Amino acid sequence: MRQRIFHKSERGQAIVLIAAAAIGLIAMVGLMVDGGILLIEYGRLKRAIDAASLSAALQYREGYNIQELNDAAEEFLILNQSDVFAIQIDTDDTDSSLLPPPGEPRRKLVRVTASRHVRFGFLPVIGINETDITATSVGEAASVDVVIVLDASASMAYEGGGLLDRGDSPADDPSACNPTNSCQPFRQIKDVAIEFVSQLYFPYDRVAIVTFNRDAHSILTLTGEDKYGDTVVDYETMTAEQIEDAIVAQLAGLTVFQPADICPVAPALIESISPVTHCLNYPAGTYAGLEFPLYRAAGNIDPSSVPSSNIGDGLWLAGAEFGREPIRQDSLWVVIVLTGGPANTGCTTGAAHNCTGPSYADGRVCPPSTWGSPFCREGDVSASTRHAAGTLNYDADDYARDAADFLANPLTGQGVTIFSIGLGNLIQNNPSGDPLAGQKLLNYAATVAGDESNLPVNHGLYFFAPSATDLREIFRTIAESIATRLSQ
C-alpha cells in the first residue's frame, strides 16, 4: 500500500489556508456581532432622536422660539446620548421642505438629526475600527383650533352701575358705553380673552370668534375671515405677531348688543304703543333699560321678541367652524363659551337647526307653553324634561343642549372639547323659573353633552365666575388644560 508523503512546503500551505480561513471566520463572526452592535446602537439613537423631536415639538405650546426648540432637543439628546454630534434641528421656518402644500394649514413639526460614533469589537481585526451612524426623526405637536363664544347681550353692560343693578342705570346704556369701550363686565371679558389668545402659538394654532345676543354672529372664522367676508388673518403669509394683532383687534372691537333707536313696529301698532317705540328706553331723558314695544302692544302675549340670550345658535355657529376647509382632523378642537344667563331664544336665520314644528313663535324657539315667566324655556330644565326637536314643548334650553351634543359627540357631531363659563348672579340665582337654569345648561355642555356616543367623549370643564375678576384664573386653568391634552 502506497502512502502519500507530504512535503514541508505543502504543510506550510495548509497552515496559511487554515489561518486565512480562521481570519475569514473571525471576520464573519465580527460582521455578525458588530452588525448587531450597529443595529442596536442605531435603535438607541433613533429612539433618542424620536423622543427629542417630540420633546422639542411639545415646546410649541410654551411659545418657545426656534433657538429654544433647538436647546430643548439638544439637551434631551445630550442627557440620553452623551456622545452625539452634528445635531441639526429644523422647523418649517428653517427648512421649507417641512411646509405643507399651498392652501393647507401649517403644522407644528420639528425635525431632529444627529450622529454618533460606534466602535466595533471584532472588525478591528481586519482594520475597521469604528463608523458613524445618523438618524432623523420628525416630531409633531397637536395644533389647536379654538372657537371663543361670548355672550354679548345687554346683560354684559349690567355692571356699569354696580354689581347689583339690573341694567337700568345710565351707566348701563350700551349706546353710551360701547363707543368708549367701557361696558362692564364686557370690557373685562374681552381683556381676559385677549390674554388667553396671547398664549397660543401662531400660525399653527387658529382662533374663531362667535358672539350671541338675540342672534348669533360669526365675527372671525377659523380660516381668518371677518363678519364681512374679508380675510383679516392669513395663516400662510402673516407673521405670528401680525396674526395675534389681527385676532386681538377683532376681540377688542366687540360691542354689547345695542338695538336700533326705533324698534321696527308694524304701522297698525304704532298708535297703540305710542310713544314707547324706542328699543332703548329713555323716560324723562334718562336711560331705564331695554324696551320691547312689540311685546307690550295691546293684546300681544307672544314674548319671543323679548329674550336675548341665544346660546343655542352661538354653539351651532361654533360647531360649523370645524367644518370649514381646510379641516384639520389632527388638531385639538376646543370651544370656550361664556354666558351671563340661561338660554331663552334660538333658531335664527343663518344658524338655525331643527327649527321645524309647532314650538316656533316668530321663527324662534318659544313654545306657547313657555309664554309665562320664564320666557321661552320651562321653569324646570332638568334632564327629565328634555324635549325632542319638532315637538310641542321644545324650548330654548332643549335647543342649546342639542347644539352642545352636536359639538361634543365624536360619532354624530364634531368631537369638540367644551369649556363653559357662567358669569354673574343670573347663572345661579335666576329670578324666574329654575334659579340654577344657566348653571345646569353650562355644566351639561362641558361634562355631559355627547355621552350617547359609542365612542369616548373628550369632556371639558365648567366654571362659575361670580364676577369678571374671577375670569383671569379661569382662562389660565383652561389654557393649562388644553396644554395637558396636547401633551397626551
Protein backbone atom coordinates (compact mmCIF):
# COMPACT_ATOMS: atom_id res chain seq x y z
CA MET A 1 0.00 0.00 0.00
CA ARG A 2 1.39 3.31 -1.05
CA GLN A 3 1.43 6.21 1.39
CA ARG A 4 1.27 9.84 0.39
CA ILE A 5 4.23 11.76 1.61
CA PHE A 6 3.60 15.47 2.45
CA HIS A 7 6.40 17.77 1.79
CA LYS A 8 7.25 20.60 4.13
CA SER A 9 6.06 23.15 1.58
CA GLU A 10 2.62 21.59 1.46
CA ARG A 11 2.39 21.62 5.21
CA GLY A 12 3.19 25.35 5.16
CA GLN A 13 0.46 26.00 2.62
CA ALA A 14 -2.08 24.26 4.84
CA ILE A 15 -1.18 26.48 7.76
CA VAL A 16 -1.71 29.54 5.58
CA LEU A 17 -5.06 28.25 4.39
CA ILE A 18 -6.14 27.47 7.92
CA ALA A 19 -5.07 30.91 9.10
CA ALA A 20 -6.89 32.58 6.22
CA ALA A 21 -9.99 30.55 6.96
CA ALA A 22 -9.75 31.49 10.64
CA ILE A 23 -9.46 35.16 9.75
CA GLY A 24 -12.42 34.82 7.41
CA LEU A 25 -14.39 33.09 10.10
CA ILE A 26 -13.47 35.77 12.61
CA ALA A 27 -14.45 38.41 10.07
CA MET A 28 -17.80 36.74 9.51
CA VAL A 29 -18.36 36.47 13.26
CA GLY A 30 -17.22 40.07 13.55
CA LEU A 31 -19.64 41.16 10.87
CA MET A 32 -22.47 39.39 12.63
CA VAL A 33 -21.58 40.64 16.10
CA ASP A 34 -20.60 44.16 15.09
CA GLY A 35 -23.57 44.33 12.70
CA GLY A 36 -25.75 43.53 15.67
CA ILE A 37 -23.98 46.21 17.68
CA LEU A 38 -24.56 48.65 14.84
CA LEU A 39 -28.28 47.86 14.72
CA ILE A 40 -28.62 48.10 18.49
CA GLU A 41 -26.79 51.42 18.61
CA TYR A 42 -28.84 52.77 15.72
CA GLY A 43 -32.02 51.74 17.51
CA ARG A 44 -30.85 53.54 20.65
CA LEU A 45 -30.00 56.65 18.67
CA LYS A 46 -33.29 56.56 16.76
CA ARG A 47 -35.32 56.23 19.97
CA ALA A 48 -33.44 59.16 21.45
CA ILE A 49 -33.96 61.19 18.27
CA ASP A 50 -37.67 60.33 18.24
CA ALA A 51 -38.05 61.42 21.86
CA ALA A 52 -36.01 64.57 21.27
CA SER A 53 -38.13 65.61 18.29
CA LEU A 54 -41.31 65.09 20.31
CA SER A 55 -39.83 66.94 23.28
CA ALA A 56 -38.94 69.86 21.06
CA ALA A 57 -42.33 69.85 19.32
CA LEU A 58 -44.16 69.99 22.63
CA GLN A 59 -42.34 73.22 23.45
CA TYR A 60 -44.53 74.93 20.85
CA ARG A 61 -47.29 75.09 23.45
CA GLU A 62 -44.96 77.12 25.66
CA GLY A 63 -44.45 79.72 22.94
CA TYR A 64 -40.76 78.88 22.55
CA ASN A 65 -38.73 80.42 19.73
CA ILE A 66 -36.62 78.38 17.33
CA GLN A 67 -33.44 78.67 19.41
CA GLU A 68 -35.26 77.39 22.50
CA LEU A 69 -36.66 74.47 20.47
CA ASN A 70 -33.08 73.67 19.45
CA ASP A 71 -31.89 73.87 23.04
CA ALA A 72 -34.68 71.56 24.25
CA ALA A 73 -33.82 68.90 21.66
CA GLU A 74 -30.06 69.17 22.19
CA GLU A 75 -30.39 68.99 25.96
CA PHE A 76 -32.53 65.86 25.68
CA LEU A 77 -30.07 64.17 23.32
CA ILE A 78 -27.01 65.02 25.37
CA LEU A 79 -28.62 63.69 28.53
CA ASN A 80 -29.61 60.43 26.84
CA GLN A 81 -26.83 60.00 24.26
CA SER A 82 -23.73 61.73 25.61
CA ASP A 83 -21.56 61.21 22.52
CA VAL A 84 -23.92 62.56 19.84
CA PHE A 85 -22.63 65.19 17.46
CA ALA A 86 -23.75 67.13 14.37
CA ILE A 87 -27.14 67.84 15.96
CA GLN A 88 -29.44 69.61 13.49
CA ILE A 89 -32.92 70.88 14.40
CA ASP A 90 -35.26 72.18 11.68
CA THR A 91 -38.76 73.61 11.61
CA ASP A 92 -40.68 74.98 8.68
CA ASP A 93 -39.09 78.35 9.47
CA THR A 94 -35.61 76.97 8.70
CA ASP A 95 -36.42 74.30 6.10
CA SER A 96 -39.16 74.87 3.54
CA SER A 97 -39.47 71.13 2.90
CA LEU A 98 -41.44 70.94 6.17
CA LEU A 99 -44.01 73.41 4.90
CA PRO A 100 -47.38 71.96 3.85
CA PRO A 101 -48.66 72.21 0.27
CA PRO A 102 -50.17 75.60 -0.63
CA GLY A 103 -53.59 76.12 0.89
CA GLU A 104 -53.08 73.70 3.79
CA PRO A 105 -52.51 74.89 7.38
CA ARG A 106 -49.02 74.78 8.83
CA ARG A 107 -48.19 72.07 11.34
CA LYS A 108 -46.04 72.05 14.47
CA LEU A 109 -43.23 69.92 13.03
CA VAL A 110 -39.68 69.65 14.38
CA ARG A 111 -37.11 67.53 12.55
CA VAL A 112 -34.10 66.40 14.59
CA THR A 113 -30.99 64.86 13.01
CA ALA A 114 -27.92 63.68 14.93
CA SER A 115 -24.94 61.34 14.60
CA ARG A 116 -22.78 59.28 16.92
CA HIS A 117 -19.66 57.13 16.76
CA VAL A 118 -19.95 53.34 17.05
CA ARG A 119 -16.79 51.34 17.95
CA PHE A 120 -16.58 47.75 16.76
CA GLY A 121 -15.42 44.77 18.79
CA PHE A 122 -14.21 42.28 16.16
CA LEU A 123 -13.87 44.21 12.92
CA PRO A 124 -10.68 45.99 14.04
CA VAL A 125 -9.01 42.63 13.24
CA ILE A 126 -9.48 43.49 9.58
CA GLY A 127 -8.76 47.18 10.10
CA ILE A 128 -12.30 48.55 10.60
CA ASN A 129 -12.28 50.24 13.98
CA GLU A 130 -15.45 52.38 14.00
CA THR A 131 -18.13 54.07 11.94
CA ASP A 132 -20.63 56.91 12.29
CA ILE A 133 -24.38 56.45 12.25
CA THR A 134 -27.01 59.14 11.63
CA ALA A 135 -30.72 59.15 12.43
CA THR A 136 -33.54 61.57 11.67
CA SER A 137 -37.00 61.95 13.14
CA VAL A 138 -39.86 64.41 12.73
CA GLY A 139 -41.95 65.15 15.80
CA GLU A 140 -45.31 66.87 15.74
CA ALA A 141 -47.29 68.56 18.48
CA ALA A 142 -51.02 68.93 18.00
CA SER A 143 -52.24 72.34 16.99
CA VAL A 144 -55.32 73.97 18.49
CA ASP A 145 -58.45 75.13 16.72
CA VAL A 146 -60.37 77.14 19.31
CA VAL A 147 -63.69 78.94 18.95
CA ILE A 148 -64.41 81.59 21.59
CA VAL A 149 -68.17 82.07 22.06
CA LEU A 150 -69.06 85.19 24.05
CA ASP A 151 -72.36 86.48 25.40
CA ALA A 152 -72.76 89.99 24.01
CA SER A 153 -76.33 90.54 25.19
CA ALA A 154 -77.47 93.63 27.07
CA SER A 155 -76.64 91.97 30.41
CA MET A 156 -72.95 92.32 29.54
CA ALA A 157 -73.32 96.04 30.36
CA TYR A 158 -75.22 95.50 33.62
CA GLU A 159 -72.21 96.19 35.85
CA GLY A 160 -71.80 99.74 34.63
CA GLY A 161 -73.94 100.95 37.51
CA GLY A 162 -72.54 98.43 40.01
CA LEU A 163 -72.75 94.70 40.60
CA LEU A 164 -76.31 94.78 41.94
CA ASP A 165 -78.04 96.86 39.30
CA ARG A 166 -80.29 95.27 36.66
CA GLY A 167 -79.31 97.19 33.58
CA ASP A 168 -81.42 100.28 34.25
CA SER A 169 -78.61 102.61 35.30
CA PRO A 170 -77.44 105.33 32.88
CA ALA A 171 -74.00 103.70 33.06
CA ASP A 172 -75.53 100.53 31.56
CA ASP A 173 -76.66 102.24 28.36
CA PRO A 174 -74.93 100.36 25.52
CA SER A 175 -75.22 103.40 23.26
CA ALA A 176 -73.09 105.28 25.78
CA CYS A 177 -70.57 102.63 26.89
CA ASN A 178 -69.94 100.94 23.53
CA PRO A 179 -68.27 103.98 21.92
CA THR A 180 -65.94 104.35 24.91
CA ASN A 181 -65.28 100.59 25.29
CA SER A 182 -66.42 100.84 28.91
CA CYS A 183 -69.36 98.40 29.07
CA GLN A 184 -68.82 96.20 32.10
CA PRO A 185 -68.28 93.33 32.56
CA PHE A 186 -67.85 93.01 28.79
CA ARG A 187 -64.66 95.06 28.76
CA GLN A 188 -63.04 92.76 31.33
CA ILE A 189 -64.22 89.69 29.42
CA LYS A 190 -62.53 90.94 26.27
CA ASP A 191 -59.30 91.75 28.11
CA VAL A 192 -59.07 88.25 29.57
CA ALA A 193 -59.89 86.63 26.21
CA ILE A 194 -57.08 88.68 24.65
CA GLU A 195 -54.65 87.40 27.30
CA PHE A 196 -55.73 83.85 26.51
CA VAL A 197 -55.12 84.35 22.79
CA SER A 198 -51.59 85.58 23.53
CA GLN A 199 -50.78 82.11 24.98
CA LEU A 200 -51.49 80.36 21.67
CA TYR A 201 -48.79 79.67 19.09
CA PHE A 202 -49.38 81.21 15.69
CA PRO A 203 -49.55 80.45 12.80
CA TYR A 204 -50.04 76.83 13.91
CA ASP A 205 -52.99 77.46 16.23
CA ARG A 206 -56.17 79.07 14.90
CA VAL A 207 -58.90 81.15 16.57
CA ALA A 208 -62.52 81.87 15.67
CA ILE A 209 -64.84 84.29 17.48
CA VAL A 210 -68.63 83.97 17.81
CA THR A 211 -70.92 86.27 19.78
CA PHE A 212 -74.57 85.97 20.60
CA ASN A 213 -77.39 88.17 21.83
CA ARG A 214 -80.81 87.75 20.25
CA ASP A 215 -78.94 86.41 17.23
CA ALA A 216 -75.60 84.65 16.82
CA HIS A 217 -72.80 86.30 14.89
CA SER A 218 -69.66 84.88 13.30
CA ILE A 219 -67.10 87.62 13.99
CA LEU A 220 -63.97 85.75 12.87
CA THR A 221 -63.75 82.34 11.23
CA LEU A 222 -61.09 79.68 11.75
CA THR A 223 -59.88 80.42 8.24
CA GLY A 224 -59.41 84.11 9.02
CA GLU A 225 -62.43 85.87 7.50
CA ASP A 226 -64.25 88.58 9.44
CA LYS A 227 -68.01 89.11 9.59
CA TYR A 228 -67.91 90.94 6.25
CA GLY A 229 -66.17 88.05 4.50
CA ASP A 230 -62.84 89.85 4.26
CA THR A 231 -59.64 87.95 5.07
CA VAL A 232 -58.12 89.66 8.10
CA VAL A 233 -55.96 86.74 9.30
CA ASP A 234 -53.81 84.95 6.75
CA TYR A 235 -52.17 81.99 8.47
CA GLU A 236 -49.97 81.27 5.45
CA THR A 237 -48.35 84.65 4.90
CA MET A 238 -48.65 86.69 8.10
CA THR A 239 -46.13 86.54 10.92
CA ALA A 240 -47.11 85.28 14.36
CA GLU A 241 -47.21 88.84 15.67
CA GLN A 242 -49.39 90.01 12.80
CA ILE A 243 -51.82 87.13 13.32
CA GLU A 244 -52.10 87.78 17.04
CA ASP A 245 -52.59 91.52 16.46
CA ALA A 246 -55.36 90.85 13.94
CA ILE A 247 -57.21 88.49 16.30
CA VAL A 248 -56.80 90.89 19.21
CA ALA A 249 -58.24 93.68 17.06
CA GLN A 250 -61.35 91.58 16.40
CA LEU A 251 -61.81 90.90 20.11
CA ALA A 252 -61.17 94.49 21.10
CA GLY A 253 -63.76 95.71 18.61
CA LEU A 254 -66.62 93.63 20.04
CA THR A 255 -69.58 95.55 21.45
CA VAL A 256 -72.56 94.83 23.65
CA PHE A 257 -75.89 94.33 21.89
CA GLN A 258 -77.32 97.73 21.01
CA PRO A 259 -80.71 97.66 19.29
CA ALA A 260 -81.84 100.29 16.86
CA ASP A 261 -83.03 103.52 18.42
CA ILE A 262 -86.51 102.99 16.94
CA CYS A 263 -87.76 99.43 17.03
CA PRO A 264 -89.37 98.10 13.86
CA VAL A 265 -93.06 98.25 14.62
CA ALA A 266 -95.92 97.49 12.27
CA PRO A 267 -97.76 100.73 11.35
CA ALA A 268 -101.01 99.35 12.73
CA LEU A 269 -99.40 99.03 16.16
CA ILE A 270 -97.64 102.38 16.39
CA GLU A 271 -100.66 104.23 17.75
CA SER A 272 -101.47 101.57 20.35
CA ILE A 273 -97.95 101.55 21.81
CA SER A 274 -97.01 105.19 21.22
CA PRO A 275 -94.97 106.95 22.45
CA VAL A 276 -92.86 103.93 23.50
CA THR A 277 -91.33 102.91 20.17
CA HIS A 278 -87.71 103.10 21.33
CA CYS A 279 -85.82 99.85 21.95
CA LEU A 280 -83.64 101.75 24.40
CA ASN A 281 -85.98 103.31 26.93
CA TYR A 282 -85.36 106.91 27.98
CA PRO A 283 -88.29 108.12 30.10
CA ALA A 284 -87.70 111.74 31.08
CA GLY A 285 -84.47 111.61 29.11
CA THR A 286 -82.77 109.05 31.41
CA TYR A 287 -81.83 105.53 30.36
CA ALA A 288 -84.01 102.91 32.04
CA GLY A 289 -83.13 99.68 30.23
CA LEU A 290 -84.37 97.95 27.10
CA GLU A 291 -87.91 98.34 25.82
CA PHE A 292 -89.97 95.78 23.91
CA PRO A 293 -92.78 97.58 22.12
CA LEU A 294 -93.86 94.52 20.12
CA TYR A 295 -94.44 92.55 23.31
CA ARG A 296 -96.07 95.44 25.15
CA ALA A 297 -98.52 96.08 22.34
CA ALA A 298 -102.12 95.71 23.49
CA GLY A 299 -103.27 92.09 23.39
CA ASN A 300 -99.85 90.68 22.45
CA ILE A 301 -99.00 87.64 24.59
CA ASP A 302 -96.13 86.25 22.49
CA PRO A 303 -92.85 87.13 24.32
CA SER A 304 -90.46 85.80 21.66
CA SER A 305 -89.29 89.34 20.84
CA VAL A 306 -88.09 89.88 24.42
CA PRO A 307 -85.35 87.31 25.30
CA SER A 308 -81.78 87.99 24.18
CA SER A 309 -79.63 85.02 25.24
CA ASN A 310 -79.28 82.85 22.15
CA ILE A 311 -76.78 80.32 23.49
CA GLY A 312 -78.02 77.60 21.15
CA ASP A 313 -77.23 79.40 17.92
CA GLY A 314 -73.90 80.53 19.36
CA LEU A 315 -72.96 76.87 19.84
CA TRP A 316 -74.33 75.81 16.44
CA LEU A 317 -72.23 78.51 14.75
CA ALA A 318 -69.18 77.37 16.72
CA GLY A 319 -69.72 73.80 15.52
CA ALA A 320 -69.92 74.96 11.92
CA GLU A 321 -66.42 76.43 12.20
CA PHE A 322 -64.84 72.97 12.42
CA GLY A 323 -66.42 72.07 9.09
CA ARG A 324 -64.60 74.83 7.20
CA GLU A 325 -61.99 73.75 4.69
CA PRO A 326 -59.20 73.03 5.23
CA ILE A 327 -60.41 70.78 8.06
CA ARG A 328 -57.63 69.88 10.50
CA GLN A 329 -58.58 66.47 11.85
CA ASP A 330 -55.28 66.13 13.71
CA SER A 331 -55.69 69.32 15.75
CA LEU A 332 -57.37 69.68 19.14
CA TRP A 333 -60.84 71.18 18.67
CA VAL A 334 -61.94 73.42 21.53
CA VAL A 335 -64.93 75.65 22.22
CA ILE A 336 -64.92 78.13 25.11
CA VAL A 337 -68.39 79.51 25.79
CA LEU A 338 -69.11 82.29 28.28
CA THR A 339 -72.60 83.48 29.15
CA GLY A 340 -74.28 85.56 31.82
CA GLY A 341 -77.61 83.74 31.99
CA PRO A 342 -79.70 80.79 30.80
CA ALA A 343 -80.75 80.22 27.20
CA ASN A 344 -84.04 81.89 26.28
CA THR A 345 -84.13 82.07 22.49
CA GLY A 346 -82.80 80.29 19.42
CA CYS A 347 -83.38 79.28 15.81
CA THR A 348 -82.36 82.43 13.98
CA THR A 349 -81.80 82.70 10.24
CA GLY A 350 -78.35 81.54 9.16
CA ALA A 351 -77.59 79.46 12.23
CA ALA A 352 -80.84 77.55 12.74
CA HIS A 353 -81.05 73.78 13.18
CA ASN A 354 -84.02 71.55 13.90
CA CYS A 355 -86.30 74.57 13.51
CA THR A 356 -89.47 72.96 12.31
CA GLY A 357 -92.54 72.14 14.32
CA PRO A 358 -95.20 73.76 16.48
CA SER A 359 -92.88 75.38 19.07
CA TYR A 360 -91.52 78.20 16.94
CA ALA A 361 -93.11 81.59 17.51
CA ASP A 362 -91.96 84.33 15.16
CA GLY A 363 -89.30 81.94 13.81
CA ARG A 364 -87.81 81.30 17.26
CA VAL A 365 -87.84 78.55 19.86
CA CYS A 366 -90.55 79.84 22.15
CA PRO A 367 -93.42 77.34 22.53
CA PRO A 368 -96.75 78.74 23.82
CA SER A 369 -96.31 76.64 26.97
CA THR A 370 -93.42 78.96 27.90
CA TRP A 371 -95.17 82.30 27.30
CA GLY A 372 -95.30 82.88 31.02
CA SER A 373 -92.23 83.57 33.12
CA PRO A 374 -89.54 82.44 32.40
CA PHE A 375 -89.89 83.32 28.73
CA CYS A 376 -89.24 80.68 26.09
CA ARG A 377 -87.98 77.96 28.43
CA GLU A 378 -89.54 75.76 31.05
CA GLY A 379 -89.09 76.62 34.68
CA ASP A 380 -87.63 73.17 35.35
CA VAL A 381 -84.76 72.38 32.97
CA SER A 382 -83.62 69.10 34.49
CA ALA A 383 -82.78 66.26 32.16
CA SER A 384 -86.17 64.67 32.81
CA THR A 385 -87.88 67.49 30.90
CA ARG A 386 -85.74 67.27 27.76
CA HIS A 387 -87.92 67.56 24.66
CA ALA A 388 -87.17 66.36 21.15
CA ALA A 389 -86.82 68.80 18.27
CA GLY A 390 -90.09 69.46 16.49
CA THR A 391 -92.29 68.58 19.47
CA LEU A 392 -94.76 70.95 21.09
CA ASN A 393 -92.69 71.91 24.13
CA TYR A 394 -89.22 72.02 22.54
CA ASP A 395 -87.75 75.16 24.10
CA ALA A 396 -84.61 77.31 24.03
CA ASP A 397 -82.83 75.17 26.61
CA ASP A 398 -83.53 71.99 24.63
CA TYR A 399 -82.20 73.73 21.54
CA ALA A 400 -78.95 74.75 23.29
CA ARG A 401 -78.44 71.23 24.63
CA ASP A 402 -78.89 69.78 21.15
CA ALA A 403 -76.18 72.16 19.93
CA ALA A 404 -73.85 71.07 22.75
CA ASP A 405 -74.49 67.41 21.89
CA PHE A 406 -73.56 68.08 18.27
CA LEU A 407 -70.33 69.79 19.32
CA ALA A 408 -69.22 67.10 21.77
CA ASN A 409 -70.36 63.87 20.11
CA PRO A 410 -67.44 62.33 18.18
CA LEU A 411 -69.70 59.94 16.26
CA THR A 412 -72.59 62.11 15.06
CA GLY A 413 -71.05 65.54 15.67
CA GLN A 414 -67.69 67.24 15.87
CA GLY A 415 -65.94 65.67 18.87
CA VAL A 416 -65.14 69.07 20.35
CA THR A 417 -63.93 69.72 23.90
CA ILE A 418 -66.22 72.30 25.50
CA PHE A 419 -65.17 74.60 28.33
CA SER A 420 -68.09 76.61 29.69
CA ILE A 421 -68.09 79.66 31.97
CA GLY A 422 -71.10 81.03 33.79
CA LEU A 423 -70.63 84.67 34.76
CA GLY A 424 -72.56 86.58 37.38
CA ASN A 425 -75.59 86.31 39.59
CA LEU A 426 -78.11 85.18 36.95
CA ILE A 427 -76.28 81.87 36.43
CA GLN A 428 -77.07 80.58 39.93
CA ASN A 429 -79.78 82.92 41.14
CA ASN A 430 -82.13 83.48 38.24
CA PRO A 431 -85.32 85.17 39.47
CA SER A 432 -87.60 83.38 37.01
CA GLY A 433 -88.05 79.63 36.84
CA ASP A 434 -85.25 77.34 37.98
CA PRO A 435 -82.63 79.59 39.62
CA LEU A 436 -79.88 77.22 38.51
CA ALA A 437 -81.02 77.00 34.88
CA GLY A 438 -77.91 78.65 33.47
CA GLN A 439 -75.53 76.54 35.51
CA LYS A 440 -77.30 73.30 34.63
CA LEU A 441 -77.07 74.05 30.93
CA LEU A 442 -73.39 75.02 31.02
CA ASN A 443 -72.43 72.07 33.20
CA TYR A 444 -74.29 69.78 30.78
CA ALA A 445 -72.45 71.26 27.79
CA ALA A 446 -69.00 70.80 29.33
CA THR A 447 -69.34 67.49 31.17
CA VAL A 448 -72.30 65.50 29.80
CA ALA A 449 -73.06 66.51 26.21
CA GLY A 450 -72.47 63.84 23.57
CA ASP A 451 -72.40 60.93 26.01
CA GLU A 452 -74.86 58.91 23.94
CA SER A 453 -71.98 58.23 21.55
CA ASN A 454 -70.43 54.77 21.37
CA LEU A 455 -67.05 56.49 21.43
CA PRO A 456 -65.42 58.22 24.43
CA VAL A 457 -66.21 61.93 24.66
CA ASN A 458 -63.40 64.39 25.34
CA HIS A 459 -65.21 66.39 28.01
CA GLY A 460 -64.03 69.77 29.24
CA LEU A 461 -64.76 71.72 32.42
CA TYR A 462 -67.48 74.01 33.75
CA PHE A 463 -66.58 77.13 35.75
CA PHE A 464 -68.70 79.57 37.72
CA ALA A 465 -67.36 83.13 37.94
CA PRO A 466 -69.23 85.31 40.47
CA SER A 467 -67.71 88.37 38.77
CA ALA A 468 -65.41 89.23 35.88
CA THR A 469 -62.45 89.49 38.25
CA ASP A 470 -62.53 85.69 38.53
CA LEU A 471 -62.14 85.15 34.79
CA ARG A 472 -58.38 85.55 34.56
CA GLU A 473 -57.73 82.50 36.74
CA ILE A 474 -60.42 80.51 34.90
CA PHE A 475 -58.90 81.20 31.48
CA ARG A 476 -55.46 80.31 32.86
CA THR A 477 -56.85 76.94 34.02
CA ILE A 478 -58.41 76.36 30.60
CA ALA A 479 -55.09 77.15 28.88
CA GLU A 480 -53.30 74.65 31.15
CA SER A 481 -55.94 72.01 30.47
CA ILE A 482 -55.53 72.49 26.71
CA ALA A 483 -51.74 72.21 27.07
CA THR A 484 -52.14 68.97 29.04
CA ARG A 485 -54.36 67.47 26.34
CA LEU A 486 -51.84 68.46 23.67
CA SER A 487 -49.12 66.62 25.56
CA GLN A 488 -51.02 63.35 25.83
